[in-house]
Amino acid sequence: MELQQCVKLKDDHTHYERDETIIKKDFNGVKAQGHMENNFIDLELSNAKQKMHKDSKVGKKGLTGDDLLLAGYLQPTTTGKCVKIEYRLVVKCIYDDTC
């Protein structure tokens, strides 16, 4: 299972798109003839960090200190004309195909 962040930035001349896995978690599935009722799978989002580079900039100003720290955390979903940030939960099931 993984949480992906999808970022799209655009202006009149250019556009930028990035899909990045923010956090990933593997877990054992349900045993033969088992049930998944009342089982919860937690993804600890407070530990999810984005890769930020020290040369990251907002406009002409470089990010430093607290700005760089805050930018490393998950950003909220937004659907503006220039900035679009969405999250996708991807669940992959891998199973033994023998009977």
N, C-alpha and C. Protein backbone atom coordinates (compact mmCIF):
# COMPACT_ATOMS: atom_id res chain seq x y z
N MET A 1 0.85 -1.15 0.00
CA MET A 1 0.00 0.00 0.00
C MET A 1 0.90 1.22 0.00
N GLU A 2 0.56 2.22 -0.79
CA GLU A 2 1.36 3.43 -0.79
C GLU A 2 0.50 4.66 -1.05
N LEU A 3 0.94 5.76 -0.48
CA LEU A 3 0.29 7.05 -0.69
C LEU A 3 1.13 7.84 -1.66
N GLN A 4 0.52 8.24 -2.78
CA GLN A 4 1.23 8.99 -3.80
C GLN A 4 0.73 10.43 -3.82
N GLN A 5 1.65 11.35 -4.01
CA GLN A 5 1.30 12.75 -4.17
C GLN A 5 1.45 13.11 -5.65
N CYS A 6 0.42 13.71 -6.21
CA CYS A 6 0.41 14.11 -7.62
C CYS A 6 0.39 15.63 -7.67
N VAL A 7 1.44 16.22 -8.20
CA VAL A 7 1.58 17.68 -8.25
C VAL A 7 1.59 18.12 -9.71
N LYS A 8 0.77 19.14 -10.02
CA LYS A 8 0.75 19.73 -11.35
C LYS A 8 0.85 21.24 -11.18
N LEU A 9 1.84 21.84 -11.82
CA LEU A 9 2.04 23.29 -11.80
C LEU A 9 2.04 23.78 -13.24
N LYS A 10 1.37 24.89 -13.51
CA LYS A 10 1.40 25.42 -14.87
C LYS A 10 1.20 26.92 -14.85
N ASP A 11 1.77 27.54 -15.87
CA ASP A 11 1.53 28.96 -16.13
C ASP A 11 1.25 29.11 -17.62
N ASP A 12 1.34 30.29 -18.14
CA ASP A 12 1.00 30.51 -19.55
C ASP A 12 1.95 29.81 -20.52
N HIS A 13 3.18 29.53 -20.08
CA HIS A 13 4.18 29.03 -21.01
C HIS A 13 4.66 27.60 -20.73
N THR A 14 4.66 27.18 -19.50
CA THR A 14 5.22 25.88 -19.16
C THR A 14 4.30 25.13 -18.20
N HIS A 15 4.61 23.85 -18.04
CA HIS A 15 3.90 23.06 -17.04
C HIS A 15 4.88 22.03 -16.44
N TYR A 16 4.56 21.60 -15.24
CA TYR A 16 5.40 20.65 -14.50
C TYR A 16 4.47 19.65 -13.84
N GLU A 17 4.79 18.36 -13.95
CA GLU A 17 4.01 17.31 -13.31
C GLU A 17 4.94 16.36 -12.59
N ARG A 18 4.51 15.90 -11.42
CA ARG A 18 5.30 14.95 -10.65
C ARG A 18 4.37 14.05 -9.85
N ASP A 19 4.59 12.75 -9.92
CA ASP A 19 3.92 11.77 -9.06
C ASP A 19 5.01 11.15 -8.21
N GLU A 20 4.85 11.20 -6.91
CA GLU A 20 5.87 10.70 -6.01
C GLU A 20 5.24 9.90 -4.89
N THR A 21 5.84 8.76 -4.56
CA THR A 21 5.38 7.97 -3.42
C THR A 21 5.86 8.64 -2.15
N ILE A 22 4.92 9.01 -1.29
CA ILE A 22 5.24 9.71 -0.05
C ILE A 22 5.51 8.73 1.09
N ILE A 23 4.67 7.72 1.19
CA ILE A 23 4.84 6.72 2.25
C ILE A 23 4.38 5.37 1.72
N LYS A 24 5.06 4.33 2.12
CA LYS A 24 4.74 2.99 1.64
C LYS A 24 4.72 2.04 2.83
N LYS A 25 3.77 1.10 2.82
CA LYS A 25 3.68 0.14 3.92
C LYS A 25 3.27 -1.22 3.38
N ASP A 26 4.03 -2.22 3.76
CA ASP A 26 3.70 -3.60 3.41
C ASP A 26 3.08 -4.27 4.64
N PHE A 27 2.15 -5.16 4.41
CA PHE A 27 1.56 -5.90 5.52
C PHE A 27 1.13 -7.27 5.02
N ASN A 28 1.10 -8.22 5.94
CA ASN A 28 0.67 -9.57 5.60
C ASN A 28 -0.83 -9.57 5.36
N GLY A 29 -1.24 -10.28 4.38
CA GLY A 29 -2.65 -10.33 4.03
C GLY A 29 -3.44 -11.27 4.93
N VAL A 30 -4.61 -11.61 4.46
CA VAL A 30 -5.52 -12.48 5.19
C VAL A 30 -5.13 -13.93 4.91
N LYS A 31 -5.11 -14.74 5.95
CA LYS A 31 -4.77 -16.15 5.80
C LYS A 31 -5.93 -16.88 5.11
N ALA A 32 -5.65 -18.09 4.63
CA ALA A 32 -6.67 -18.88 3.95
C ALA A 32 -7.91 -19.01 4.82
N GLN A 33 -9.05 -18.76 4.25
CA GLN A 33 -10.35 -18.79 4.91
C GLN A 33 -10.45 -17.82 6.09
N GLY A 34 -9.60 -16.82 6.08
CA GLY A 34 -9.66 -15.79 7.12
C GLY A 34 -10.56 -14.65 6.69
N HIS A 35 -10.76 -13.71 7.57
CA HIS A 35 -11.61 -12.54 7.31
C HIS A 35 -10.83 -11.27 7.62
N MET A 36 -11.20 -10.20 6.97
CA MET A 36 -10.55 -8.91 7.16
C MET A 36 -11.39 -7.99 8.01
N GLU A 37 -12.46 -8.48 8.60
CA GLU A 37 -13.33 -7.64 9.41
C GLU A 37 -12.58 -7.11 10.63
N ASN A 38 -12.84 -5.87 10.95
CA ASN A 38 -12.29 -5.21 12.14
C ASN A 38 -10.77 -5.17 12.18
N ASN A 39 -10.12 -5.32 11.05
CA ASN A 39 -8.67 -5.14 10.98
C ASN A 39 -8.40 -3.78 10.36
N PHE A 40 -7.54 -2.99 10.98
CA PHE A 40 -7.24 -1.67 10.50
C PHE A 40 -5.77 -1.59 10.11
N ILE A 41 -5.51 -0.85 9.08
CA ILE A 41 -4.15 -0.64 8.62
C ILE A 41 -3.87 0.86 8.72
N ASP A 42 -2.89 1.22 9.51
CA ASP A 42 -2.56 2.63 9.73
C ASP A 42 -1.39 3.06 8.86
N LEU A 43 -1.50 4.23 8.28
CA LEU A 43 -0.38 4.90 7.63
C LEU A 43 -0.10 6.14 8.47
N GLU A 44 1.05 6.19 9.08
CA GLU A 44 1.39 7.32 9.96
C GLU A 44 1.84 8.50 9.10
N LEU A 45 0.92 9.41 8.82
CA LEU A 45 1.21 10.52 7.93
C LEU A 45 2.09 11.59 8.56
N SER A 46 2.14 11.63 9.90
CA SER A 46 3.00 12.62 10.54
C SER A 46 4.48 12.32 10.28
N ASN A 47 4.80 11.09 9.91
CA ASN A 47 6.18 10.72 9.58
C ASN A 47 6.48 10.88 8.10
N ALA A 48 5.47 11.18 7.30
CA ALA A 48 5.66 11.30 5.86
C ALA A 48 6.36 12.62 5.55
N LYS A 49 7.48 12.53 4.88
CA LYS A 49 8.24 13.73 4.52
C LYS A 49 8.42 13.76 3.01
N GLN A 50 8.44 14.97 2.48
CA GLN A 50 8.72 15.17 1.06
C GLN A 50 10.18 15.54 0.92
N LYS A 51 10.75 15.18 -0.21
CA LYS A 51 12.14 15.52 -0.46
C LYS A 51 12.23 16.99 -0.85
N MET A 52 12.92 17.75 -0.06
CA MET A 52 13.13 19.17 -0.35
C MET A 52 14.63 19.40 -0.51
N HIS A 53 14.97 20.18 -1.48
CA HIS A 53 16.38 20.49 -1.73
C HIS A 53 16.69 21.86 -1.12
N LYS A 54 17.89 22.00 -0.64
CA LYS A 54 18.28 23.27 -0.01
C LYS A 54 18.24 24.43 -0.99
N ASP A 55 18.29 24.13 -2.29
CA ASP A 55 18.23 25.20 -3.28
C ASP A 55 16.80 25.43 -3.78
N SER A 56 15.78 24.85 -3.10
CA SER A 56 14.38 25.07 -3.47
C SER A 56 14.05 26.55 -3.30
N LYS A 57 13.29 27.09 -4.24
CA LYS A 57 12.99 28.52 -4.20
C LYS A 57 11.50 28.78 -4.34
N VAL A 58 11.08 29.87 -3.77
CA VAL A 58 9.74 30.41 -4.00
C VAL A 58 9.99 31.77 -4.63
N GLY A 59 9.62 31.91 -5.90
CA GLY A 59 9.97 33.13 -6.62
C GLY A 59 11.48 33.20 -6.75
N LYS A 60 12.07 34.31 -6.36
CA LYS A 60 13.52 34.48 -6.43
C LYS A 60 14.18 34.21 -5.08
N LYS A 61 13.37 33.97 -4.05
CA LYS A 61 13.90 33.79 -2.70
C LYS A 61 14.07 32.30 -2.40
N GLY A 62 15.23 31.92 -1.89
CA GLY A 62 15.47 30.54 -1.50
C GLY A 62 14.80 30.21 -0.18
N LEU A 63 14.40 28.97 -0.01
CA LEU A 63 13.80 28.53 1.25
C LEU A 63 14.89 28.31 2.28
N THR A 64 14.64 28.77 3.50
CA THR A 64 15.60 28.57 4.59
C THR A 64 14.84 28.27 5.87
N GLY A 65 15.53 27.70 6.83
CA GLY A 65 15.00 27.51 8.18
C GLY A 65 13.64 26.86 8.24
N ASP A 66 12.71 27.56 8.92
CA ASP A 66 11.36 27.03 9.15
C ASP A 66 10.60 26.79 7.85
N ASP A 67 10.80 27.65 6.83
CA ASP A 67 10.10 27.47 5.55
C ASP A 67 10.50 26.15 4.91
N LEU A 68 11.77 25.83 4.96
CA LEU A 68 12.26 24.58 4.38
C LEU A 68 11.71 23.39 5.16
N LEU A 69 11.65 23.51 6.48
CA LEU A 69 11.11 22.45 7.33
C LEU A 69 9.63 22.22 7.05
N LEU A 70 8.83 23.28 7.00
CA LEU A 70 7.39 23.15 6.73
C LEU A 70 7.10 22.62 5.33
N ALA A 71 7.89 23.01 4.36
CA ALA A 71 7.68 22.55 2.99
C ALA A 71 7.92 21.06 2.85
N GLY A 72 8.67 20.48 3.78
CA GLY A 72 8.96 19.05 3.74
C GLY A 72 7.79 18.20 4.19
N TYR A 73 6.82 18.78 4.90
CA TYR A 73 5.64 18.02 5.33
C TYR A 73 4.62 17.95 4.20
N LEU A 74 3.65 17.06 4.34
CA LEU A 74 2.60 16.94 3.33
C LEU A 74 1.86 18.26 3.17
N GLN A 75 1.64 18.64 1.94
CA GLN A 75 0.90 19.85 1.64
C GLN A 75 -0.57 19.49 1.40
N PRO A 76 -1.48 20.40 1.69
CA PRO A 76 -2.89 20.07 1.51
C PRO A 76 -3.27 19.92 0.03
N THR A 77 -4.35 19.19 -0.19
CA THR A 77 -4.89 19.05 -1.53
C THR A 77 -5.38 20.41 -2.00
N THR A 78 -5.11 20.74 -3.25
CA THR A 78 -5.59 21.99 -3.83
C THR A 78 -5.90 21.77 -5.30
N THR A 79 -6.88 22.46 -5.82
CA THR A 79 -7.27 22.30 -7.22
C THR A 79 -7.41 23.65 -7.89
N GLY A 80 -6.37 24.45 -7.82
CA GLY A 80 -6.38 25.76 -8.46
C GLY A 80 -6.06 25.67 -9.94
N LYS A 81 -6.10 26.81 -10.64
CA LYS A 81 -5.78 26.84 -12.07
C LYS A 81 -4.29 26.65 -12.31
N CYS A 82 -3.45 27.14 -11.41
CA CYS A 82 -2.00 27.05 -11.59
C CYS A 82 -1.37 25.93 -10.77
N VAL A 83 -1.94 25.62 -9.62
CA VAL A 83 -1.38 24.61 -8.73
C VAL A 83 -2.45 23.57 -8.43
N LYS A 84 -2.11 22.32 -8.64
CA LYS A 84 -3.03 21.23 -8.33
C LYS A 84 -2.24 20.15 -7.60
N ILE A 85 -2.64 19.85 -6.36
CA ILE A 85 -2.00 18.80 -5.57
C ILE A 85 -3.09 17.83 -5.14
N GLU A 86 -2.89 16.57 -5.51
CA GLU A 86 -3.84 15.52 -5.15
C GLU A 86 -3.08 14.35 -4.55
N TYR A 87 -3.80 13.50 -3.82
CA TYR A 87 -3.20 12.31 -3.24
C TYR A 87 -3.96 11.09 -3.72
N ARG A 88 -3.22 10.00 -3.92
CA ARG A 88 -3.78 8.76 -4.42
C ARG A 88 -3.31 7.63 -3.50
N LEU A 89 -4.25 6.82 -3.02
CA LEU A 89 -3.92 5.64 -2.23
C LEU A 89 -3.90 4.45 -3.17
N VAL A 90 -2.75 3.82 -3.31
CA VAL A 90 -2.57 2.69 -4.21
C VAL A 90 -2.45 1.42 -3.37
N VAL A 91 -3.32 0.46 -3.65
CA VAL A 91 -3.30 -0.82 -2.94
C VAL A 91 -3.00 -1.90 -3.97
N LYS A 92 -1.91 -2.63 -3.74
CA LYS A 92 -1.53 -3.71 -4.64
C LYS A 92 -1.69 -5.02 -3.89
N CYS A 93 -2.39 -5.95 -4.51
CA CYS A 93 -2.60 -7.26 -3.90
C CYS A 93 -1.72 -8.28 -4.62
N ILE A 94 -0.89 -8.95 -3.85
CA ILE A 94 -0.04 -10.00 -4.38
C ILE A 94 -0.48 -11.29 -3.72
N TYR A 95 -0.87 -12.29 -4.51
CA TYR A 95 -1.40 -13.51 -3.93
C TYR A 95 -0.80 -14.72 -4.62
N ASP A 96 -0.83 -15.82 -3.91
CA ASP A 96 -0.35 -17.09 -4.44
C ASP A 96 -1.44 -17.65 -5.33
N ASP A 97 -1.09 -18.01 -6.54
CA ASP A 97 -2.11 -18.45 -7.49
C ASP A 97 -2.29 -19.97 -7.52
N THR A 98 -1.79 -20.68 -6.53
CA THR A 98 -2.00 -22.13 -6.49
C THR A 98 -3.27 -22.47 -5.72
N CYS A 99 -3.87 -23.56 -6.10
CA CYS A 99 -5.11 -23.98 -5.43
C CYS A 99 -4.91 -25.33 -4.75
